[in-house]
Each structure stands twice: as C-alpha cells, then as structure tokens.
Amino acid sequence: DFIMTAEKIPKSNPQALGEILHYFKKNFKIEPEEALYIGDSQVDELLCKHWNVKFVAFKNPSLSVDYYVKSFKELKEIIEKN
C-alpha cells in the first residue's frame, strides 16, 4: 500500500502527485496517462495538468476537466470504461 498525506508533502505541491505516480509506475508499470485523479478544486485541476493525468471533477462544473460527475454511480461508470 502507498499512502500520501499532507503531512508528508502539501497537496498543492506538484511533487505530492509526482511521488504517487512514480510509485505506481515503478511498482505496477502504470503511466501517468493511465491514472485517473478525482478532485473538486482548482488545485486538483492544476496538479492534473502539471502531470498530464486525467481529471474527474466531483460536483464542481467550473473546472476544466476530462470528466465531470455528480455522483459515485457516474464515477463508477467512468472507471469501468477506462
């Protein structure tokens, strides 16, 4: 298991997501383009743009995203398609 917390690196620091992506690439051969990030803020949006990760906005239509969802059911459908 890999756990990243704000105590290790603040969420707004792009390196937080970078370490997560590095872990999954090293251990599971998952590229950033294969990842899916779920968030609801502009910080989340900027992190995804920085690392070229698909972004799902949860209940925030004002963000520039790959997907927008209003419910966990919609999120499940996106995950199953990807």
Protein backbone atom coordinates (compact mmCIF):
# COMPACT_ATOMS: atom_id res chain seq x y z
CA ASP A 1 0.00 0.00 0.00
CA PHE A 2 1.07 3.56 -0.63
CA ILE A 3 -0.33 6.45 1.37
CA MET A 4 0.41 10.10 0.68
CA THR A 5 -0.68 12.67 3.24
CA ALA A 6 -0.40 16.44 3.53
CA GLU A 7 1.97 15.83 6.45
CA LYS A 8 4.50 14.37 4.00
CA ILE A 9 4.01 16.90 1.18
CA PRO A 10 1.27 19.55 0.96
CA LYS A 11 -1.40 18.69 -1.61
CA SER A 12 -0.77 21.92 -3.51
CA ASN A 13 2.85 20.88 -4.14
CA PRO A 14 3.01 19.06 -7.50
CA GLN A 15 5.60 16.70 -6.05
CA ALA A 16 2.88 15.03 -3.93
CA LEU A 17 1.14 13.67 -7.02
CA GLY A 18 4.54 13.11 -8.62
CA GLU A 19 5.56 10.70 -5.86
CA ILE A 20 2.29 8.81 -6.18
CA LEU A 21 2.71 8.50 -9.95
CA HIS A 22 6.34 7.41 -9.53
CA TYR A 23 5.34 4.68 -7.07
CA PHE A 24 2.72 3.23 -9.40
CA LYS A 25 4.98 3.44 -12.44
CA LYS A 26 7.85 1.73 -10.63
CA ASN A 27 5.79 -1.00 -8.97
CA PHE A 28 2.96 -1.60 -11.43
CA LYS A 29 4.15 -0.11 -14.75
CA ILE A 30 1.23 2.38 -14.74
CA GLU A 31 1.94 5.52 -16.73
CA PRO A 32 0.53 8.95 -15.71
CA GLU A 33 -1.71 8.88 -18.78
CA GLU A 34 -3.38 5.75 -17.37
CA ALA A 35 -4.15 7.34 -14.00
CA LEU A 36 -7.43 8.95 -13.03
CA TYR A 37 -7.49 11.72 -10.42
CA ILE A 38 -10.72 12.63 -8.67
CA GLY A 39 -11.00 16.06 -7.13
CA ASP A 40 -13.11 19.14 -6.67
CA SER A 41 -10.77 22.12 -6.61
CA GLN A 42 -8.60 24.27 -8.81
CA VAL A 43 -5.54 22.86 -7.01
CA ASP A 44 -6.57 19.40 -8.21
CA GLU A 45 -7.06 20.73 -11.74
CA LEU A 46 -3.59 22.31 -11.80
CA LEU A 47 -1.94 19.15 -10.46
CA CYS A 48 -3.51 17.06 -13.20
CA LYS A 49 -2.43 19.50 -15.90
CA HIS A 50 1.11 19.53 -14.48
CA TRP A 51 1.41 15.73 -14.57
CA ASN A 52 -0.78 15.01 -17.62
CA VAL A 53 -3.27 12.96 -15.61
CA LYS A 54 -6.96 12.59 -16.49
CA PHE A 55 -9.06 14.64 -14.10
CA VAL A 56 -12.57 13.88 -12.87
CA ALA A 57 -14.28 16.81 -11.17
CA PHE A 58 -16.71 15.81 -8.47
CA LYS A 59 -19.65 18.23 -8.16
CA ASN A 60 -17.72 21.23 -9.50
CA PRO A 61 -18.65 22.13 -13.09
CA SER A 62 -16.48 25.26 -13.09
CA LEU A 63 -13.26 23.25 -13.55
CA SER A 64 -11.59 22.31 -16.83
CA VAL A 65 -11.69 18.51 -16.72
CA ASP A 66 -11.72 15.28 -18.70
CA TYR A 67 -14.86 14.13 -16.92
CA TYR A 68 -17.44 15.68 -14.63
CA VAL A 69 -19.55 13.64 -12.22
CA LYS A 70 -22.33 14.41 -9.78
CA SER A 71 -22.49 11.00 -8.10
CA PHE A 72 -20.44 7.96 -7.23
CA LYS A 73 -22.56 5.95 -9.68
CA GLU A 74 -21.35 8.20 -12.53
CA LEU A 75 -17.79 7.84 -11.27
CA LYS A 76 -18.11 4.04 -11.26
CA GLU A 77 -19.24 4.13 -14.89
CA ILE A 78 -16.21 6.22 -15.91
CA ILE A 79 -13.83 3.90 -14.09
CA GLU A 80 -15.36 0.84 -15.72
CA LYS A 81 -14.96 2.42 -19.19
CA ASN A 82 -11.32 3.29 -18.58
